[in-house]
Amino acid sequence: MAWDQYLAQADQAVAAFFDTETFTASAYKRGAGKSRNDDPVPDPTKPAFAFKGSFELDPSINAFGGSTRSSADDVAPRHVSEALVTALVTGMAWRPAAGDRLVRDVDGRSYVISLVDGDGTDRVVFHVNRGN
């Protein structure tokens, strides 16, 4: 078996173990004749679809930066988490991109994709912000 086949099997095994939540992806685009500052509108050329993924809160900031004190460690810590959705993209009807929406089915919360990050495998990380 070739390396790519082993990697695909590993991706499938990871997805079977970690991807336990259902999400619905919806494509959005800038409306015809609209400016960059206008709200995006649903893209009718890409139908919404459900997929399995995992939702994670990644602690990314744990203290105030740029403090005027002698040490940034002596300020009151602030804990901020970055919301991430990870998923295997091989079976998706289309690949969600920045600006598209993901709805977490377990609680109905909507998220806007701010960045899609990958590591060369068929699993990607969607960095998301809470949407409306």
Protein backbone atom coordinates (compact mmCIF):
# COMPACT_ATOMS: atom_id res chain seq x y z
CA MET A 1 0.00 0.00 0.00
CA ALA A 2 1.22 3.54 -0.76
CA TRP A 3 1.75 6.29 1.81
CA ASP A 4 -1.35 8.19 0.62
CA GLN A 5 -3.52 5.13 1.20
CA TYR A 6 -2.21 4.75 4.76
CA LEU A 7 -2.80 8.45 5.38
CA ALA A 8 -6.38 8.18 4.09
CA GLN A 9 -7.00 5.22 6.43
CA ALA A 10 -5.58 7.22 9.36
CA ASP A 11 -7.84 10.17 8.47
CA GLN A 12 -10.87 7.85 8.44
CA ALA A 13 -9.91 6.34 11.82
CA VAL A 14 -9.48 9.78 13.40
CA ALA A 15 -12.82 10.93 11.98
CA ALA A 16 -14.61 7.83 13.28
CA PHE A 17 -13.28 8.48 16.78
CA PHE A 18 -13.40 12.28 17.11
CA ASP A 19 -16.06 13.52 14.68
CA THR A 20 -19.16 12.88 16.80
CA GLU A 21 -21.12 16.13 16.35
CA THR A 22 -23.29 17.08 13.40
CA PHE A 23 -22.86 20.47 11.73
CA THR A 24 -24.65 22.06 8.80
CA ALA A 25 -22.54 24.07 6.35
CA SER A 26 -24.06 26.91 4.33
CA ALA A 27 -22.22 28.88 1.65
CA TYR A 28 -22.35 32.68 1.66
CA LYS A 29 -21.14 35.23 -0.85
CA ARG A 30 -21.25 38.96 -1.51
CA GLY A 31 -24.56 39.91 -3.10
CA ALA A 32 -24.64 41.13 -6.70
CA GLY A 33 -23.90 44.84 -6.82
CA LYS A 34 -23.17 44.97 -3.10
CA SER A 35 -20.11 46.50 -1.49
CA ARG A 36 -17.55 44.61 0.53
CA ASN A 37 -19.06 46.11 3.70
CA ASP A 38 -22.56 44.74 3.09
CA ASP A 39 -23.69 41.57 4.80
CA PRO A 40 -23.07 38.43 2.74
CA VAL A 41 -26.04 36.53 1.33
CA PRO A 42 -26.62 32.77 0.99
CA ASP A 43 -25.06 31.27 -2.15
CA PRO A 44 -27.85 29.36 -3.96
CA THR A 45 -25.33 27.53 -6.19
CA LYS A 46 -24.01 25.56 -3.19
CA PRO A 47 -26.74 23.73 -1.26
CA ALA A 48 -26.35 23.38 2.51
CA PHE A 49 -25.19 19.98 3.74
CA ALA A 50 -24.67 18.17 7.04
CA PHE A 51 -21.34 16.69 8.11
CA LYS A 52 -19.70 15.19 11.17
CA GLY A 53 -16.96 17.09 12.96
CA SER A 54 -15.63 18.00 16.37
CA PHE A 55 -16.00 21.30 18.22
CA GLU A 56 -13.08 22.44 20.33
CA LEU A 57 -12.24 25.46 22.43
CA ASP A 58 -8.51 26.07 22.13
CA PRO A 59 -7.05 28.27 24.89
CA SER A 60 -5.09 30.88 22.97
CA ILE A 61 -4.59 33.90 25.23
CA ASN A 62 -3.98 33.68 28.96
CA ALA A 63 -2.78 37.14 30.05
CA PHE A 64 -2.95 40.77 29.04
CA GLY A 65 -0.18 41.68 26.65
CA GLY A 66 1.56 45.02 26.38
CA SER A 67 1.40 45.73 30.09
CA THR A 68 3.09 48.86 31.45
CA ARG A 69 4.17 46.88 34.51
CA SER A 70 7.60 45.40 34.77
CA SER A 71 6.29 41.91 34.08
CA ALA A 72 3.29 40.94 32.03
CA ASP A 73 2.89 37.92 34.34
CA ASP A 74 1.80 40.03 37.31
CA VAL A 75 -1.46 41.21 35.75
CA ALA A 76 -4.73 39.41 36.37
CA PRO A 77 -4.91 36.54 33.90
CA ARG A 78 -7.56 36.60 31.22
CA HIS A 79 -8.61 33.31 29.68
CA VAL A 80 -9.75 33.43 26.07
CA SER A 81 -10.51 30.44 23.93
CA GLU A 82 -10.58 30.16 20.17
CA ALA A 83 -13.48 28.14 18.76
CA LEU A 84 -12.47 25.48 16.23
CA VAL A 85 -14.34 22.89 14.19
CA THR A 86 -12.25 20.04 12.81
CA ALA A 87 -13.54 17.67 10.15
CA LEU A 88 -12.65 15.27 7.37
CA VAL A 89 -13.46 17.03 4.08
CA THR A 90 -13.27 14.15 1.60
CA GLY A 91 -17.01 13.40 1.60
CA MET A 92 -18.24 17.00 1.57
CA ALA A 93 -20.35 18.28 -1.34
CA TRP A 94 -18.13 21.42 -1.44
CA ARG A 95 -15.38 22.64 0.83
CA PRO A 96 -16.46 25.43 3.21
CA ALA A 97 -14.33 28.58 3.07
CA ALA A 98 -13.89 31.81 5.03
CA GLY A 99 -17.21 33.64 5.24
CA ASP A 100 -19.35 30.50 5.08
CA ARG A 101 -21.54 29.49 8.03
CA LEU A 102 -21.56 26.39 10.22
CA VAL A 103 -24.46 25.57 12.52
CA ARG A 104 -23.74 23.26 15.44
CA ASP A 105 -26.79 21.00 15.53
CA VAL A 106 -26.52 20.12 19.23
CA ASP A 107 -27.29 23.69 20.34
CA GLY A 108 -28.28 25.48 17.11
CA ARG A 109 -25.50 28.06 17.43
CA SER A 110 -24.27 29.60 14.21
CA TYR A 111 -20.59 30.23 13.50
CA VAL A 112 -18.87 32.15 10.71
CA ILE A 113 -15.67 30.61 9.34
CA SER A 114 -12.81 33.10 9.67
CA LEU A 115 -9.98 30.85 8.47
CA VAL A 116 -9.54 27.35 7.07
CA ASP A 117 -6.31 25.68 8.13
CA GLY A 118 -4.90 22.35 7.01
CA ASP A 119 -1.84 20.24 7.54
CA GLY A 120 -1.70 18.42 4.21
CA THR A 121 -4.16 15.70 5.19
CA ASP A 122 -7.85 15.56 4.34
CA ARG A 123 -8.71 16.87 7.82
CA VAL A 124 -9.05 20.62 8.16
CA VAL A 125 -9.53 23.09 10.98
CA PHE A 126 -12.21 25.73 10.60
CA HIS A 127 -11.44 28.71 12.85
CA VAL A 128 -14.87 30.13 13.66
CA ASN A 129 -16.47 33.15 15.29
CA ARG A 130 -19.95 33.17 16.73
CA GLY A 131 -22.45 34.32 14.12
CA ASN A 132 -26.07 35.46 14.22
